[in-house]
Amino acid sequence: MNLENVNRASGAAIGFLVASVIFAMLVVIVKCSVSVPAVDADRDAAISKALFEIRTNETVSLADPGWVDKSRGIVRLPIADAMKMAIGEWQDPAQARADLIAREEKANAPLPKAPAAPAQPNPFE
């Protein structure tokens, strides 16, 4: 047999096929030998408790009024109460627009500046 007559394309195809079969066998072996641990009952209970707390906080936030930022005068209101207030305020559109602009400027006012750095650096930094 003459080596010059060997079809290189068929040799590459056979090599690719052999490599693919070996890779598939390794995947099956790893899949069968490695088991994924089940979620513990404790972890499941912790997740359920966290989800319950989140849902409770959401319900309280939607149903009860409260302060969002007391220093800026931003409050959280139930949607129904806020809609009633908006309907009452917008009976006079010019005054309502002026109030809305004033509240927006107050809410977006810059925060107070941080205190100036001390003259001498801290020896622990």
N, C-alpha and C. Protein backbone atom coordinates (compact mmCIF):
# COMPACT_ATOMS: atom_id res chain seq x y z
N MET A 1 0.84 -1.17 0.00
CA MET A 1 0.00 0.00 0.00
C MET A 1 0.89 1.23 0.00
N ASN A 2 0.57 2.16 -0.86
CA ASN A 2 1.35 3.38 -1.03
C ASN A 2 0.74 4.49 -0.16
N LEU A 3 1.56 5.16 0.65
CA LEU A 3 1.06 6.20 1.54
C LEU A 3 0.58 7.43 0.79
N GLU A 4 1.03 7.62 -0.40
CA GLU A 4 0.61 8.78 -1.17
C GLU A 4 -0.84 8.67 -1.60
N ASN A 5 -1.37 7.48 -1.67
CA ASN A 5 -2.74 7.27 -2.14
C ASN A 5 -3.78 7.33 -1.01
N VAL A 6 -3.34 7.54 0.21
CA VAL A 6 -4.28 7.57 1.33
C VAL A 6 -5.10 8.86 1.25
N ASN A 7 -6.36 8.69 1.37
CA ASN A 7 -7.26 9.84 1.31
C ASN A 7 -7.24 10.55 2.66
N ARG A 8 -6.69 11.74 2.68
CA ARG A 8 -6.54 12.47 3.94
C ARG A 8 -7.90 12.92 4.50
N ALA A 9 -8.84 13.22 3.65
CA ALA A 9 -10.16 13.66 4.12
C ALA A 9 -10.86 12.54 4.87
N SER A 10 -10.79 11.32 4.37
CA SER A 10 -11.45 10.22 5.08
C SER A 10 -10.73 9.93 6.40
N GLY A 11 -9.43 10.12 6.44
CA GLY A 11 -8.70 9.94 7.70
C GLY A 11 -9.10 10.97 8.73
N ALA A 12 -9.30 12.22 8.29
CA ALA A 12 -9.74 13.27 9.20
C ALA A 12 -11.15 12.99 9.70
N ALA A 13 -12.00 12.51 8.81
CA ALA A 13 -13.38 12.21 9.20
C ALA A 13 -13.41 11.07 10.22
N ILE A 14 -12.60 10.06 10.01
CA ILE A 14 -12.54 8.94 10.96
C ILE A 14 -11.99 9.41 12.31
N GLY A 15 -10.98 10.27 12.28
CA GLY A 15 -10.43 10.81 13.52
C GLY A 15 -11.46 11.64 14.28
N PHE A 16 -12.21 12.46 13.55
CA PHE A 16 -13.25 13.28 14.18
C PHE A 16 -14.34 12.38 14.79
N LEU A 17 -14.71 11.34 14.08
CA LEU A 17 -15.73 10.41 14.57
C LEU A 17 -15.26 9.71 15.84
N VAL A 18 -14.01 9.26 15.86
CA VAL A 18 -13.46 8.60 17.05
C VAL A 18 -13.42 9.58 18.23
N ALA A 19 -12.97 10.82 17.99
CA ALA A 19 -12.92 11.82 19.06
C ALA A 19 -14.32 12.12 19.59
N SER A 20 -15.31 12.21 18.70
CA SER A 20 -16.70 12.48 19.11
C SER A 20 -17.25 11.35 19.98
N VAL A 21 -16.96 10.11 19.60
CA VAL A 21 -17.44 8.96 20.38
C VAL A 21 -16.78 8.96 21.76
N ILE A 22 -15.50 9.24 21.82
CA ILE A 22 -14.79 9.28 23.12
C ILE A 22 -15.37 10.39 23.99
N PHE A 23 -15.62 11.57 23.40
CA PHE A 23 -16.19 12.69 24.15
C PHE A 23 -17.58 12.33 24.67
N ALA A 24 -18.41 11.71 23.84
CA ALA A 24 -19.76 11.32 24.26
C ALA A 24 -19.70 10.32 25.40
N MET A 25 -18.77 9.37 25.32
CA MET A 25 -18.64 8.38 26.40
C MET A 25 -18.21 9.05 27.70
N LEU A 26 -17.28 10.01 27.63
CA LEU A 26 -16.85 10.73 28.83
C LEU A 26 -18.01 11.52 29.44
N VAL A 27 -18.81 12.14 28.59
CA VAL A 27 -19.96 12.90 29.10
C VAL A 27 -20.93 11.98 29.82
N VAL A 28 -21.22 10.81 29.25
CA VAL A 28 -22.14 9.87 29.88
C VAL A 28 -21.56 9.36 31.19
N ILE A 29 -20.28 9.06 31.23
CA ILE A 29 -19.64 8.57 32.46
C ILE A 29 -19.71 9.62 33.55
N VAL A 30 -19.39 10.88 33.23
CA VAL A 30 -19.43 11.94 34.23
C VAL A 30 -20.86 12.19 34.70
N LYS A 31 -21.80 12.18 33.77
CA LYS A 31 -23.20 12.41 34.12
C LYS A 31 -23.72 11.33 35.07
N CYS A 32 -23.32 10.09 34.85
CA CYS A 32 -23.79 8.99 35.70
C CYS A 32 -23.06 8.95 37.04
N SER A 33 -21.81 9.36 37.08
CA SER A 33 -21.03 9.23 38.30
C SER A 33 -21.19 10.41 39.26
N VAL A 34 -21.55 11.58 38.77
CA VAL A 34 -21.70 12.75 39.62
C VAL A 34 -23.18 12.97 39.89
N SER A 35 -23.52 12.99 41.18
CA SER A 35 -24.92 13.22 41.53
C SER A 35 -25.07 14.62 42.11
N VAL A 36 -26.13 15.27 41.73
CA VAL A 36 -26.41 16.61 42.22
C VAL A 36 -27.15 16.47 43.54
N PRO A 37 -26.66 17.14 44.60
CA PRO A 37 -27.35 17.00 45.88
C PRO A 37 -28.71 17.67 45.83
N ALA A 38 -29.66 17.06 46.51
CA ALA A 38 -31.00 17.61 46.58
C ALA A 38 -31.01 18.81 47.51
N VAL A 39 -31.97 19.68 47.32
CA VAL A 39 -32.11 20.83 48.19
C VAL A 39 -32.55 20.34 49.56
N ASP A 40 -31.81 20.71 50.57
CA ASP A 40 -32.14 20.28 51.93
C ASP A 40 -33.46 20.88 52.36
N ALA A 41 -34.10 20.23 53.29
CA ALA A 41 -35.35 20.75 53.83
C ALA A 41 -35.11 22.07 54.55
N ASP A 42 -33.93 22.20 55.20
CA ASP A 42 -33.61 23.45 55.90
C ASP A 42 -33.48 24.60 54.90
N ARG A 43 -32.80 24.34 53.79
CA ARG A 43 -32.62 25.37 52.77
C ARG A 43 -33.96 25.74 52.16
N ASP A 44 -34.80 24.73 51.94
CA ASP A 44 -36.14 24.98 51.39
C ASP A 44 -36.95 25.83 52.37
N ALA A 45 -36.85 25.54 53.65
CA ALA A 45 -37.57 26.31 54.66
C ALA A 45 -37.05 27.75 54.72
N ALA A 46 -35.73 27.92 54.61
CA ALA A 46 -35.15 29.27 54.64
C ALA A 46 -35.60 30.08 53.44
N ILE A 47 -35.65 29.45 52.28
CA ILE A 47 -36.11 30.15 51.08
C ILE A 47 -37.58 30.53 51.22
N SER A 48 -38.38 29.62 51.72
CA SER A 48 -39.81 29.91 51.92
C SER A 48 -40.01 31.05 52.92
N LYS A 49 -39.22 31.04 54.00
CA LYS A 49 -39.33 32.10 55.00
C LYS A 49 -38.93 33.45 54.41
N ALA A 50 -37.84 33.48 53.63
CA ALA A 50 -37.39 34.74 53.01
C ALA A 50 -38.44 35.25 52.03
N LEU A 51 -39.02 34.36 51.25
CA LEU A 51 -40.05 34.76 50.30
C LEU A 51 -41.28 35.30 51.04
N PHE A 52 -41.66 34.66 52.14
CA PHE A 52 -42.79 35.14 52.94
C PHE A 52 -42.51 36.55 53.48
N GLU A 53 -41.28 36.78 53.97
CA GLU A 53 -40.93 38.11 54.50
C GLU A 53 -40.97 39.16 53.39
N ILE A 54 -40.47 38.82 52.22
CA ILE A 54 -40.49 39.76 51.10
C ILE A 54 -41.93 40.11 50.74
N ARG A 55 -42.78 39.10 50.62
CA ARG A 55 -44.18 39.35 50.26
C ARG A 55 -44.90 40.16 51.35
N THR A 56 -44.60 39.88 52.61
CA THR A 56 -45.21 40.64 53.70
C THR A 56 -44.79 42.09 53.64
N ASN A 57 -43.49 42.34 53.43
CA ASN A 57 -43.00 43.72 53.32
C ASN A 57 -43.61 44.43 52.14
N GLU A 58 -43.79 43.74 51.02
CA GLU A 58 -44.43 44.34 49.86
C GLU A 58 -45.87 44.74 50.18
N THR A 59 -46.59 43.85 50.84
CA THR A 59 -47.98 44.12 51.19
C THR A 59 -48.08 45.32 52.12
N VAL A 60 -47.21 45.37 53.13
CA VAL A 60 -47.20 46.50 54.05
C VAL A 60 -46.85 47.79 53.32
N SER A 61 -45.87 47.73 52.43
CA SER A 61 -45.45 48.93 51.69
C SER A 61 -46.57 49.45 50.79
N LEU A 62 -47.34 48.56 50.21
CA LEU A 62 -48.42 48.99 49.33
C LEU A 62 -49.66 49.46 50.08
N ALA A 63 -49.89 48.90 51.28
CA ALA A 63 -51.13 49.17 51.98
C ALA A 63 -51.02 50.27 53.04
N ASP A 64 -49.85 50.46 53.62
CA ASP A 64 -49.70 51.40 54.73
C ASP A 64 -48.85 52.59 54.32
N PRO A 65 -49.24 53.80 54.78
CA PRO A 65 -48.38 54.96 54.50
C PRO A 65 -47.13 54.92 55.37
N GLY A 66 -46.09 55.56 54.91
CA GLY A 66 -44.85 55.62 55.68
C GLY A 66 -43.86 56.57 55.05
N TRP A 67 -42.79 56.86 55.76
CA TRP A 67 -41.76 57.77 55.26
C TRP A 67 -40.79 57.04 54.34
N VAL A 68 -40.48 57.65 53.21
CA VAL A 68 -39.42 57.18 52.33
C VAL A 68 -38.15 57.93 52.67
N ASP A 69 -38.26 59.29 52.75
CA ASP A 69 -37.13 60.13 53.14
C ASP A 69 -37.71 61.28 53.96
N LYS A 70 -37.60 61.18 55.27
CA LYS A 70 -38.22 62.17 56.16
C LYS A 70 -37.58 63.54 56.01
N SER A 71 -36.27 63.59 55.79
CA SER A 71 -35.60 64.89 55.69
C SER A 71 -36.05 65.67 54.46
N ARG A 72 -36.44 64.99 53.42
CA ARG A 72 -36.90 65.67 52.20
C ARG A 72 -38.43 65.72 52.12
N GLY A 73 -39.11 65.08 53.05
CA GLY A 73 -40.56 65.11 53.06
C GLY A 73 -41.21 64.17 52.05
N ILE A 74 -40.55 63.07 51.73
CA ILE A 74 -41.09 62.11 50.76
C ILE A 74 -41.75 60.97 51.52
N VAL A 75 -43.04 60.76 51.22
CA VAL A 75 -43.79 59.71 51.90
C VAL A 75 -44.27 58.66 50.91
N ARG A 76 -44.64 57.52 51.46
CA ARG A 76 -45.21 56.43 50.66
C ARG A 76 -46.69 56.35 51.02
N LEU A 77 -47.56 56.37 50.00
CA LEU A 77 -48.99 56.33 50.23
C LEU A 77 -49.60 55.14 49.50
N PRO A 78 -50.70 54.61 50.02
CA PRO A 78 -51.44 53.60 49.24
C PRO A 78 -51.96 54.25 47.95
N ILE A 79 -52.07 53.46 46.90
CA ILE A 79 -52.42 54.00 45.59
C ILE A 79 -53.79 54.68 45.62
N ALA A 80 -54.76 54.08 46.29
CA ALA A 80 -56.11 54.67 46.33
C ALA A 80 -56.09 56.05 46.99
N ASP A 81 -55.34 56.18 48.10
CA ASP A 81 -55.24 57.48 48.78
C ASP A 81 -54.52 58.51 47.90
N ALA A 82 -53.49 58.08 47.23
CA ALA A 82 -52.76 59.00 46.36
C ALA A 82 -53.63 59.47 45.20
N MET A 83 -54.43 58.58 44.65
CA MET A 83 -55.32 58.97 43.55
C MET A 83 -56.37 59.97 44.04
N LYS A 84 -56.92 59.76 45.23
CA LYS A 84 -57.89 60.72 45.78
C LYS A 84 -57.26 62.09 45.98
N MET A 85 -56.03 62.10 46.51
CA MET A 85 -55.33 63.38 46.71
C MET A 85 -55.07 64.06 45.38
N ALA A 86 -54.66 63.29 44.37
CA ALA A 86 -54.37 63.88 43.05
C ALA A 86 -55.63 64.47 42.43
N ILE A 87 -56.74 63.77 42.56
CA ILE A 87 -58.00 64.29 42.01
C ILE A 87 -58.38 65.60 42.70
N GLY A 88 -58.22 65.64 44.02
CA GLY A 88 -58.54 66.87 44.76
C GLY A 88 -57.62 68.02 44.40
N GLU A 89 -56.32 67.75 44.27
CA GLU A 89 -55.35 68.81 43.98
C GLU A 89 -55.49 69.35 42.57
N TRP A 90 -55.84 68.50 41.63
CA TRP A 90 -55.87 68.92 40.22
C TRP A 90 -57.20 69.57 39.83
N GLN A 91 -58.03 69.92 40.82
CA GLN A 91 -59.22 70.72 40.52
C GLN A 91 -58.80 72.10 40.04
N ASP A 92 -57.67 72.58 40.58
CA ASP A 92 -57.07 73.85 40.11
C ASP A 92 -55.73 73.49 39.46
N PRO A 93 -55.71 73.31 38.12
CA PRO A 93 -54.49 72.82 37.45
C PRO A 93 -53.28 73.73 37.60
N ALA A 94 -53.46 75.03 37.60
CA ALA A 94 -52.31 75.95 37.70
C ALA A 94 -51.63 75.80 39.06
N GLN A 95 -52.42 75.78 40.13
CA GLN A 95 -51.86 75.63 41.47
C GLN A 95 -51.25 74.23 41.65
N ALA A 96 -51.91 73.21 41.10
CA ALA A 96 -51.39 71.84 41.22
C ALA A 96 -50.06 71.70 40.51
N ARG A 97 -49.93 72.33 39.33
CA ARG A 97 -48.66 72.27 38.59
C ARG A 97 -47.55 72.98 39.36
N ALA A 98 -47.86 74.15 39.96
CA ALA A 98 -46.87 74.87 40.75
C ALA A 98 -46.44 74.04 41.96
N ASP A 99 -47.40 73.39 42.64
CA ASP A 99 -47.06 72.53 43.78
C ASP A 99 -46.20 71.34 43.35
N LEU A 100 -46.55 70.77 42.20
CA LEU A 100 -45.79 69.62 41.69
C LEU A 100 -44.34 70.00 41.39
N ILE A 101 -44.16 71.17 40.76
CA ILE A 101 -42.79 71.63 40.45
C ILE A 101 -42.02 71.90 41.74
N ALA A 102 -42.67 72.50 42.73
CA ALA A 102 -41.99 72.78 44.00
C ALA A 102 -41.59 71.48 44.70
N ARG A 103 -42.49 70.48 44.70
CA ARG A 103 -42.16 69.19 45.33
C ARG A 103 -41.02 68.49 44.60
N GLU A 104 -41.01 68.60 43.28
CA GLU A 104 -39.94 67.96 42.49
C GLU A 104 -38.60 68.61 42.79
N GLU A 105 -38.58 69.94 42.89
CA GLU A 105 -37.32 70.62 43.21
C GLU A 105 -36.83 70.26 44.61
N LYS A 106 -37.77 70.14 45.56
CA LYS A 106 -37.38 69.77 46.92
C LYS A 106 -36.87 68.34 46.98
N ALA A 107 -37.50 67.43 46.23
CA ALA A 107 -37.09 66.03 46.24
C ALA A 107 -35.74 65.82 45.58
N ASN A 108 -35.43 66.64 44.57
CA ASN A 108 -34.16 66.49 43.85
C ASN A 108 -33.10 67.48 44.30
N ALA A 109 -33.31 68.11 45.44
CA ALA A 109 -32.30 69.04 45.96
C ALA A 109 -31.02 68.26 46.27
N PRO A 110 -29.87 68.89 46.08
CA PRO A 110 -28.62 68.17 46.36
C PRO A 110 -28.50 67.85 47.85
N LEU A 111 -27.87 66.73 48.12
CA LEU A 111 -27.64 66.31 49.50
C LEU A 111 -26.62 67.23 50.15
N PRO A 112 -26.63 67.34 51.47
CA PRO A 112 -25.64 68.18 52.14
C PRO A 112 -24.23 67.65 51.88
N LYS A 113 -23.28 68.56 51.83
CA LYS A 113 -21.89 68.17 51.56
C LYS A 113 -21.31 67.43 52.75
N ALA A 114 -20.40 66.52 52.45
CA ALA A 114 -19.71 65.76 53.49
C ALA A 114 -18.79 66.70 54.25
N PRO A 115 -18.53 66.41 55.51
CA PRO A 115 -17.62 67.28 56.26
C PRO A 115 -16.23 67.28 55.63
N ALA A 116 -15.55 68.40 55.80
CA ALA A 116 -14.21 68.55 55.21
C ALA A 116 -13.24 67.57 55.85
N ALA A 117 -12.25 67.17 55.06
CA ALA A 117 -11.24 66.23 55.55
C ALA A 117 -10.41 66.90 56.64
N PRO A 118 -9.96 66.15 57.63
CA PRO A 118 -9.12 66.73 58.69
C PRO A 118 -7.79 67.20 58.12
N ALA A 119 -7.22 68.20 58.79
CA ALA A 119 -5.95 68.77 58.33
C ALA A 119 -4.82 67.73 58.38
N GLN A 120 -4.82 66.94 59.41
CA GLN A 120 -3.76 65.92 59.54
C GLN A 120 -4.32 64.56 59.15
N PRO A 121 -3.60 63.79 58.36
CA PRO A 121 -4.11 62.45 57.98
C PRO A 121 -4.15 61.53 59.18
N ASN A 122 -5.03 60.61 59.15
CA ASN A 122 -5.17 59.61 60.20
C ASN A 122 -3.96 58.68 60.17
N PRO A 123 -3.28 58.45 61.29
CA PRO A 123 -2.08 57.59 61.27
C PRO A 123 -2.40 56.13 60.97
N PHE A 124 -3.66 55.72 61.05
CA PHE A 124 -4.02 54.34 60.81
C PHE A 124 -4.38 54.06 59.36
N GLU A 125 -4.40 55.09 58.51
CA GLU A 125 -4.75 54.88 57.09
C GLU A 125 -3.54 54.59 56.27
